[in-house]
């Protein structure tokens, strides 16, 4: 579905059941909270807000820095197609449209290419944004760079912010990214051979470990990924794509 079609659908939606705002002196809102409530949350979080056509209405300093914009040259009036992550623009805007069409907050794992060419992985919380008349006017986003996440800080922020987003879901997503970074070298190596169909005994011979020790590592990873069976674990590992190409 095109951005123009989404724009027309959103404009035609019945908005009578949207939450009542109490802050009529502010311009944009997430539920009952003016977006200004988000601005002082923490350094290292990039914030952005877009209109119904995914054109930027604003962004904080971190968002501007990632795009290589400074001074009077800001994201305002630009789309993702105009910024350093233009190659990822279609997917980013598709996620925006899903938030607006479903009129609910969603969590996405997104790749964006920053100004110096590096592609970073981002945990994005995108939320419907309203004006003072309770009309849906676009999306508001809060992004965390996965490689630099301070988990304690993020979890504290999530618990503090009053938004229409399941904190349990977000914290679970954060825990999943935490797991990716906390596989030990031995656990990662065991998983590498496990997904290739090797038994614990065969893995032990490869790694010069006893089968019992290999089982210990496998069970440890099963616990981290909340998997009950070995087949479920293998599917999870393959889906997460976290293993090295070769050992």
C-alpha atoms as a PDB file:
ATOM      1  CA  UNK A   1       0.000   0.000   0.000  1.00  0.00           C
ATOM      2  CA  UNK A   2       1.396   3.390  -0.976  1.00  0.00           C
ATOM      3  CA  UNK A   3       2.004   6.310   1.374  1.00  0.00           C
ATOM      4  CA  UNK A   4      -0.706   8.274  -0.449  1.00  0.00           C
ATOM      5  CA  UNK A   5      -3.244   5.488   0.099  1.00  0.00           C
ATOM      6  CA  UNK A   6      -2.353   5.295   3.772  1.00  0.00           C
ATOM      7  CA  UNK A   7      -2.698   9.056   4.023  1.00  0.00           C
ATOM      8  CA  UNK A   8      -6.216   8.915   2.598  1.00  0.00           C
ATOM      9  CA  UNK A   9      -7.249   5.978   4.812  1.00  0.00           C
ATOM     10  CA  UNK A  10      -5.972   7.650   7.955  1.00  0.00           C
ATOM     11  CA  UNK A  11      -7.696  10.917   7.141  1.00  0.00           C
ATOM     12  CA  UNK A  12     -10.973   9.040   6.653  1.00  0.00           C
ATOM     13  CA  UNK A  13     -10.797   7.054   9.898  1.00  0.00           C
ATOM     14  CA  UNK A  14     -13.319   7.588  12.674  1.00  0.00           C
ATOM     15  CA  UNK A  15     -11.352   9.235  15.468  1.00  0.00           C
ATOM     16  CA  UNK A  16     -14.060   9.530  18.100  1.00  0.00           C
ATOM     17  CA  UNK A  17     -12.570   6.774  20.251  1.00  0.00           C
ATOM     18  CA  UNK A  18      -9.086   8.238  20.427  1.00  0.00           C
ATOM     19  CA  UNK A  19      -7.918   9.272  23.895  1.00  0.00           C
ATOM     20  CA  UNK A  20      -8.987  12.674  25.192  1.00  0.00           C
ATOM     21  CA  UNK A  21      -6.110  15.122  25.556  1.00  0.00           C
ATOM     22  CA  UNK A  22      -5.795  17.521  28.442  1.00  0.00           C
ATOM     23  CA  UNK A  23      -2.855  19.529  27.128  1.00  0.00           C
ATOM     24  CA  UNK A  24      -4.402  21.815  24.535  1.00  0.00           C
ATOM     25  CA  UNK A  25      -1.549  24.280  24.697  1.00  0.00           C
ATOM     26  CA  UNK A  26       0.838  21.720  23.170  1.00  0.00           C
ATOM     27  CA  UNK A  27       1.044  20.771  19.518  1.00  0.00           C
ATOM     28  CA  UNK A  28       1.736  17.034  19.338  1.00  0.00           C
ATOM     29  CA  UNK A  29       0.817  14.261  21.755  1.00  0.00           C
ATOM     30  CA  UNK A  30       1.414  10.586  22.456  1.00  0.00           C
ATOM     31  CA  UNK A  31      -1.848   9.599  24.133  1.00  0.00           C
ATOM     32  CA  UNK A  32      -2.281  12.264  26.781  1.00  0.00           C
ATOM     33  CA  UNK A  33       1.407  13.159  26.934  1.00  0.00           C
ATOM     34  CA  UNK A  34       2.853  16.063  24.943  1.00  0.00           C
ATOM     35  CA  UNK A  35       5.923  14.941  23.029  1.00  0.00           C
ATOM     36  CA  UNK A  36       7.956  17.470  24.982  1.00  0.00           C
ATOM     37  CA  UNK A  37       7.785  15.021  27.895  1.00  0.00           C
ATOM     38  CA  UNK A  38      10.166  12.779  25.965  1.00  0.00           C
ATOM     39  CA  UNK A  39      12.797  15.379  25.137  1.00  0.00           C
ATOM     40  CA  UNK A  40      14.805  15.211  28.361  1.00  0.00           C
ATOM     41  CA  UNK A  41      14.786  11.443  28.813  1.00  0.00           C
ATOM     42  CA  UNK A  42      18.433  10.613  28.246  1.00  0.00           C
ATOM     43  CA  UNK A  43      21.406  11.120  26.030  1.00  0.00           C
ATOM     44  CA  UNK A  44      21.999   8.383  23.488  1.00  0.00           C
ATOM     45  CA  UNK A  45      18.334   8.073  22.491  1.00  0.00           C
ATOM     46  CA  UNK A  46      17.295   9.552  19.189  1.00  0.00           C
ATOM     47  CA  UNK A  47      13.834  11.005  18.841  1.00  0.00           C
ATOM     48  CA  UNK A  48      11.957  11.887  15.663  1.00  0.00           C
ATOM     49  CA  UNK A  49       8.440  12.771  14.620  1.00  0.00           C
ATOM     50  CA  UNK A  50       6.892  12.620  11.163  1.00  0.00           C
ATOM     51  CA  UNK A  51       3.652  13.583   9.451  1.00  0.00           C
ATOM     52  CA  UNK A  52       1.197  11.242   7.735  1.00  0.00           C
ATOM     53  CA  UNK A  53       3.426  11.046   4.667  1.00  0.00           C
ATOM     54  CA  UNK A  54       6.539  10.219   6.719  1.00  0.00           C
ATOM     55  CA  UNK A  55       8.029  13.672   6.222  1.00  0.00           C
ATOM     56  CA  UNK A  56      10.032  14.754   9.253  1.00  0.00           C
ATOM     57  CA  UNK A  57       8.511  17.398  11.486  1.00  0.00           C
ATOM     58  CA  UNK A  58      11.446  17.303  13.882  1.00  0.00           C
ATOM     59  CA  UNK A  59      14.191  15.335  15.567  1.00  0.00           C
ATOM     60  CA  UNK A  60      16.520  15.726  18.508  1.00  0.00           C
ATOM     61  CA  UNK A  61      20.250  16.486  18.283  1.00  0.00           C
ATOM     62  CA  UNK A  62      21.218  12.806  18.225  1.00  0.00           C
ATOM     63  CA  UNK A  63      18.913  12.147  15.280  1.00  0.00           C
ATOM     64  CA  UNK A  64      20.466  15.086  13.410  1.00  0.00           C
ATOM     65  CA  UNK A  65      23.981  13.859  14.212  1.00  0.00           C
ATOM     66  CA  UNK A  66      23.288  10.367  12.833  1.00  0.00           C
ATOM     67  CA  UNK A  67      22.145  11.971   9.587  1.00  0.00           C
ATOM     68  CA  UNK A  68      25.147  14.309   9.497  1.00  0.00           C
ATOM     69  CA  UNK A  69      22.999  17.434   9.760  1.00  0.00           C
ATOM     70  CA  UNK A  70      24.054  20.485  11.748  1.00  0.00           C
ATOM     71  CA  UNK A  71      22.967  24.051  12.347  1.00  0.00           C
ATOM     72  CA  UNK A  72      20.118  25.237  10.152  1.00  0.00           C
ATOM     73  CA  UNK A  73      20.271  22.094   8.022  1.00  0.00           C
ATOM     74  CA  UNK A  74      17.880  19.793   9.894  1.00  0.00           C
ATOM     75  CA  UNK A  75      15.661  16.803   9.159  1.00  0.00           C
ATOM     76  CA  UNK A  76      12.568  19.042   9.052  1.00  0.00           C
ATOM     77  CA  UNK A  77      10.847  18.818   5.680  1.00  0.00           C
ATOM     78  CA  UNK A  78      12.931  15.832   4.589  1.00  0.00           C
ATOM     79  CA  UNK A  79      11.928  12.183   4.220  1.00  0.00           C
ATOM     80  CA  UNK A  80      14.026   9.090   4.845  1.00  0.00           C
ATOM     81  CA  UNK A  81      14.739   9.050   1.106  1.00  0.00           C
ATOM     82  CA  UNK A  82      16.671  12.314   1.535  1.00  0.00           C
ATOM     83  CA  UNK A  83      18.890  11.136   4.377  1.00  0.00           C
ATOM     84  CA  UNK A  84      21.937   8.897   4.739  1.00  0.00           C
ATOM     85  CA  UNK A  85      19.687   5.879   5.354  1.00  0.00           C
ATOM     86  CA  UNK A  86      17.854   6.341   2.023  1.00  0.00           C
ATOM     87  CA  UNK A  87      18.537   2.707   1.065  1.00  0.00           C
ATOM     88  CA  UNK A  88      16.476   1.603   4.076  1.00  0.00           C
ATOM     89  CA  UNK A  89      13.749   4.232   3.478  1.00  0.00           C
ATOM     90  CA  UNK A  90      11.112   1.860   2.083  1.00  0.00           C
ATOM     91  CA  UNK A  91      11.223  -0.395   5.136  1.00  0.00           C
ATOM     92  CA  UNK A  92      11.289   2.496   7.604  1.00  0.00           C
ATOM     93  CA  UNK A  93       8.276   4.120   5.978  1.00  0.00           C
ATOM     94  CA  UNK A  94       6.436   0.806   5.787  1.00  0.00           C
ATOM     95  CA  UNK A  95       6.826   0.548   9.557  1.00  0.00           C
ATOM     96  CA  UNK A  96       5.474   4.093   9.924  1.00  0.00           C
ATOM     97  CA  UNK A  97       2.434   3.151   7.856  1.00  0.00           C
ATOM     98  CA  UNK A  98       1.759   0.052   9.951  1.00  0.00           C
ATOM     99  CA  UNK A  99       1.694   2.168  13.105  1.00  0.00           C
ATOM    100  CA  UNK A 100      -0.730   4.653  11.557  1.00  0.00           C
ATOM    101  CA  UNK A 101      -2.996   2.071   9.931  1.00  0.00           C
ATOM    102  CA  UNK A 102      -3.329   0.008  13.113  1.00  0.00           C
ATOM    103  CA  UNK A 103      -3.372   3.140  15.265  1.00  0.00           C
ATOM    104  CA  UNK A 104      -1.153   1.499  17.868  1.00  0.00           C
ATOM    105  CA  UNK A 105       2.411   1.635  19.106  1.00  0.00           C
ATOM    106  CA  UNK A 106       4.808  -0.959  17.721  1.00  0.00           C
ATOM    107  CA  UNK A 107       8.384  -2.123  18.196  1.00  0.00           C
ATOM    108  CA  UNK A 108      10.726  -2.693  15.255  1.00  0.00           C
ATOM    109  CA  UNK A 109      14.307  -3.804  14.787  1.00  0.00           C
ATOM    110  CA  UNK A 110      15.551  -1.526  12.017  1.00  0.00           C
ATOM    111  CA  UNK A 111      18.816  -1.058  10.132  1.00  0.00           C
ATOM    112  CA  UNK A 112      19.878   2.475   9.264  1.00  0.00           C
ATOM    113  CA  UNK A 113      22.971   3.714   7.490  1.00  0.00           C
ATOM    114  CA  UNK A 114      24.461   6.694   9.278  1.00  0.00           C
ATOM    115  CA  UNK A 115      26.354   9.513   7.629  1.00  0.00           C
ATOM    116  CA  UNK A 116      29.816   7.886   7.621  1.00  0.00           C
ATOM    117  CA  UNK A 117      28.435   4.758   5.927  1.00  0.00           C
ATOM    118  CA  UNK A 118      28.162   2.357   8.864  1.00  0.00           C
ATOM    119  CA  UNK A 119      24.889   0.448   9.165  1.00  0.00           C
ATOM    120  CA  UNK A 120      23.659   0.343  12.746  1.00  0.00           C
ATOM    121  CA  UNK A 121      20.930  -1.803  14.250  1.00  0.00           C
ATOM    122  CA  UNK A 122      18.224   0.107  16.063  1.00  0.00           C
ATOM    123  CA  UNK A 123      15.404  -0.854  18.386  1.00  0.00           C
ATOM    124  CA  UNK A 124      12.657   1.588  17.379  1.00  0.00           C
ATOM    125  CA  UNK A 125       9.504   2.304  19.354  1.00  0.00           C
ATOM    126  CA  UNK A 126       7.072   4.003  16.980  1.00  0.00           C
ATOM    127  CA  UNK A 127       3.833   5.499  18.266  1.00  0.00           C
ATOM    128  CA  UNK A 128       0.776   7.221  16.754  1.00  0.00           C
ATOM    129  CA  UNK A 129       1.017  10.988  17.191  1.00  0.00           C
ATOM    130  CA  UNK A 130      -2.003  13.289  17.578  1.00  0.00           C
ATOM    131  CA  UNK A 131      -2.679  16.996  17.548  1.00  0.00           C
ATOM    132  CA  UNK A 132      -4.607  18.915  20.209  1.00  0.00           C
ATOM    133  CA  UNK A 133      -7.908  17.942  18.526  1.00  0.00           C
ATOM    134  CA  UNK A 134      -7.144  14.235  18.871  1.00  0.00           C
ATOM    135  CA  UNK A 135      -6.537  13.860  15.148  1.00  0.00           C
ATOM    136  CA  UNK A 136      -3.881  11.444  14.034  1.00  0.00           C
ATOM    137  CA  UNK A 137      -1.159  13.539  12.417  1.00  0.00           C
ATOM    138  CA  UNK A 138       1.764  11.123  12.086  1.00  0.00           C
ATOM    139  CA  UNK A 139       4.220   9.037  14.101  1.00  0.00           C
ATOM    140  CA  UNK A 140       6.605   9.684  16.954  1.00  0.00           C
ATOM    141  CA  UNK A 141       9.668   7.498  17.307  1.00  0.00           C
ATOM    142  CA  UNK A 142      12.176   6.711  20.015  1.00  0.00           C
ATOM    143  CA  UNK A 143      15.276   4.794  18.905  1.00  0.00           C
ATOM    144  CA  UNK A 144      17.978   2.918  20.781  1.00  0.00           C
ATOM    145  CA  UNK A 145      21.203   1.895  19.051  1.00  0.00           C
ATOM    146  CA  UNK A 146      21.496  -1.777  20.008  1.00  0.00           C
ATOM    147  CA  UNK A 147      25.303  -1.825  20.130  1.00  0.00           C
ATOM    148  CA  UNK A 148      25.364   1.046  22.620  1.00  0.00           C
ATOM    149  CA  UNK A 149      22.315   0.233  24.732  1.00  0.00           C
ATOM    150  CA  UNK A 150      22.642   0.911  28.434  1.00  0.00           C
ATOM    151  CA  UNK A 151      20.033  -1.642  29.452  1.00  0.00           C
ATOM    152  CA  UNK A 152      19.516  -0.436  32.999  1.00  0.00           C
ATOM    153  CA  UNK A 153      19.019   3.097  31.734  1.00  0.00           C
ATOM    154  CA  UNK A 154      16.587   2.039  28.997  1.00  0.00           C
ATOM    155  CA  UNK A 155      14.533  -0.148  31.312  1.00  0.00           C
ATOM    156  CA  UNK A 156      14.270   2.762  33.740  1.00  0.00           C
ATOM    157  CA  UNK A 157      13.080   5.042  30.937  1.00  0.00           C
ATOM    158  CA  UNK A 158      10.531   2.529  29.708  1.00  0.00           C
ATOM    159  CA  UNK A 159       9.063   2.205  33.185  1.00  0.00           C
ATOM    160  CA  UNK A 160       8.866   5.972  33.632  1.00  0.00           C
ATOM    161  CA  UNK A 161       7.328   7.000  30.331  1.00  0.00           C
ATOM    162  CA  UNK A 162       3.543   6.885  30.156  1.00  0.00           C
ATOM    163  CA  UNK A 163       2.887   5.731  26.583  1.00  0.00           C
ATOM    164  CA  UNK A 164       0.438   3.393  24.908  1.00  0.00           C
ATOM    165  CA  UNK A 165       3.087   0.714  24.495  1.00  0.00           C
ATOM    166  CA  UNK A 166       3.315  -2.528  26.383  1.00  0.00           C
ATOM    167  CA  UNK A 167       6.305  -2.161  28.666  1.00  0.00           C
ATOM    168  CA  UNK A 168       6.482  -5.951  28.992  1.00  0.00           C
ATOM    169  CA  UNK A 169       6.856  -6.315  25.217  1.00  0.00           C
ATOM    170  CA  UNK A 170       9.528  -3.646  25.040  1.00  0.00           C
ATOM    171  CA  UNK A 171      11.489  -5.059  27.945  1.00  0.00           C
ATOM    172  CA  UNK A 172      11.261  -8.515  26.372  1.00  0.00           C
ATOM    173  CA  UNK A 173      12.666  -7.065  23.131  1.00  0.00           C
ATOM    174  CA  UNK A 174      15.495  -5.474  25.069  1.00  0.00           C
ATOM    175  CA  UNK A 175      16.195  -8.772  26.786  1.00  0.00           C
ATOM    176  CA  UNK A 176      16.397 -10.473  23.386  1.00  0.00           C
ATOM    177  CA  UNK A 177      19.073  -7.992  22.264  1.00  0.00           C
ATOM    178  CA  UNK A 178      20.842  -8.503  25.577  1.00  0.00           C
ATOM    179  CA  UNK A 179      20.984 -12.241  24.913  1.00  0.00           C
ATOM    180  CA  UNK A 180      22.607 -11.681  21.537  1.00  0.00           C
ATOM    181  CA  UNK A 181      25.522  -9.977  23.207  1.00  0.00           C
ATOM    182  CA  UNK A 182      25.816 -12.371  26.143  1.00  0.00           C
ATOM    183  CA  UNK A 183      26.464 -15.720  24.499  1.00  0.00           C
ATOM    184  CA  UNK A 184      29.863 -16.834  25.703  1.00  0.00           C
ATOM    185  CA  UNK A 185      32.467 -17.976  23.210  1.00  0.00           C
ATOM    186  CA  UNK A 186      31.897 -21.614  24.218  1.00  0.00           C
ATOM    187  CA  UNK A 187      28.096 -21.270  23.956  1.00  0.00           C
ATOM    188  CA  UNK A 188      28.403 -19.628  20.552  1.00  0.00           C
ATOM    189  CA  UNK A 189      30.704 -22.392  19.317  1.00  0.00           C
ATOM    190  CA  UNK A 190      28.342 -25.103  20.586  1.00  0.00           C
ATOM    191  CA  UNK A 191      25.432 -23.424  18.810  1.00  0.00           C
ATOM    192  CA  UNK A 192      27.468 -23.196  15.611  1.00  0.00           C
ATOM    193  CA  UNK A 193      27.897 -26.965  15.501  1.00  0.00           C
ATOM    194  CA  UNK A 194      24.434 -27.732  16.881  1.00  0.00           C
ATOM    195  CA  UNK A 195      22.609 -25.964  14.046  1.00  0.00           C
ATOM    196  CA  UNK A 196      24.694 -28.033  11.629  1.00  0.00           C
ATOM    197  CA  UNK A 197      23.129 -31.212  12.965  1.00  0.00           C
ATOM    198  CA  UNK A 198      25.910 -32.417  15.207  1.00  0.00           C
ATOM    199  CA  UNK A 199      25.168 -34.356  18.391  1.00  0.00           C
ATOM    200  CA  UNK A 200      26.557 -33.423  21.804  1.00  0.00           C
ATOM    201  CA  UNK A 201      29.101 -36.222  21.473  1.00  0.00           C
ATOM    202  CA  UNK A 202      30.240 -34.999  18.043  1.00  0.00           C
ATOM    203  CA  UNK A 203      30.417 -31.389  19.265  1.00  0.00           C
ATOM    204  CA  UNK A 204      32.471 -32.553  22.253  1.00  0.00           C
ATOM    205  CA  UNK A 205      35.002 -34.204  19.960  1.00  0.00           C
ATOM    206  CA  UNK A 206      35.272 -31.001  17.921  1.00  0.00           C
ATOM    207  CA  UNK A 207      35.720 -28.811  20.994  1.00  0.00           C
ATOM    208  CA  UNK A 208      37.663 -31.308  23.138  1.00  0.00           C
ATOM    209  CA  UNK A 209      34.875 -31.323  25.720  1.00  0.00           C
ATOM    210  CA  UNK A 210      32.850 -34.066  27.328  1.00  0.00           C
ATOM    211  CA  UNK A 211      29.281 -34.580  26.037  1.00  0.00           C
ATOM    212  CA  UNK A 212      28.058 -33.620  29.503  1.00  0.00           C
ATOM    213  CA  UNK A 213      29.805 -30.237  29.274  1.00  0.00           C
ATOM    214  CA  UNK A 214      28.356 -29.651  25.806  1.00  0.00           C
ATOM    215  CA  UNK A 215      24.872 -30.424  27.153  1.00  0.00           C
ATOM    216  CA  UNK A 216      25.503 -27.889  29.905  1.00  0.00           C
ATOM    217  CA  UNK A 217      26.245 -25.159  27.328  1.00  0.00           C
ATOM    218  CA  UNK A 218      23.228 -26.123  25.224  1.00  0.00           C
ATOM    219  CA  UNK A 219      20.916 -25.998  28.241  1.00  0.00           C
ATOM    220  CA  UNK A 220      22.377 -22.645  29.250  1.00  0.00           C
ATOM    221  CA  UNK A 221      21.508 -21.151  25.858  1.00  0.00           C
ATOM    222  CA  UNK A 222      18.054 -22.759  25.956  1.00  0.00           C
ATOM    223  CA  UNK A 223      17.424 -20.923  29.214  1.00  0.00           C
ATOM    224  CA  UNK A 224      18.601 -17.605  27.753  1.00  0.00           C
ATOM    225  CA  UNK A 225      16.299 -17.955  24.768  1.00  0.00           C
ATOM    226  CA  UNK A 226      13.374 -19.355  26.761  1.00  0.00           C
ATOM    227  CA  UNK A 227      13.335 -22.527  24.638  1.00  0.00           C
ATOM    228  CA  UNK A 228      12.039 -25.858  25.904  1.00  0.00           C
ATOM    229  CA  UNK A 229      13.365 -28.172  23.201  1.00  0.00           C
ATOM    230  CA  UNK A 230      16.522 -28.460  21.169  1.00  0.00           C
ATOM    231  CA  UNK A 231      14.633 -28.071  17.878  1.00  0.00           C
ATOM    232  CA  UNK A 232      12.995 -24.897  19.187  1.00  0.00           C
ATOM    233  CA  UNK A 233      16.433 -23.579  20.156  1.00  0.00           C
ATOM    234  CA  UNK A 234      17.886 -24.332  16.725  1.00  0.00           C
ATOM    235  CA  UNK A 235      15.023 -22.465  15.025  1.00  0.00           C
ATOM    236  CA  UNK A 236      15.520 -19.516  17.378  1.00  0.00           C
ATOM    237  CA  UNK A 237      19.260 -19.372  16.766  1.00  0.00           C
ATOM    238  CA  UNK A 238      18.761 -19.465  12.990  1.00  0.00           C
ATOM    239  CA  UNK A 239      16.045 -16.798  13.129  1.00  0.00           C
ATOM    240  CA  UNK A 240      18.217 -14.474  15.237  1.00  0.00           C
ATOM    241  CA  UNK A 241      21.185 -14.875  12.853  1.00  0.00           C
ATOM    242  CA  UNK A 242      23.704 -14.254  15.635  1.00  0.00           C
ATOM    243  CA  UNK A 243      26.341 -16.884  14.940  1.00  0.00           C
ATOM    244  CA  UNK A 244      29.674 -16.304  13.166  1.00  0.00           C
ATOM    245  CA  UNK A 245      30.029 -17.553   9.604  1.00  0.00           C
ATOM    246  CA  UNK A 246      32.797 -19.980  10.505  1.00  0.00           C
ATOM    247  CA  UNK A 247      34.738 -21.368  13.450  1.00  0.00           C
END
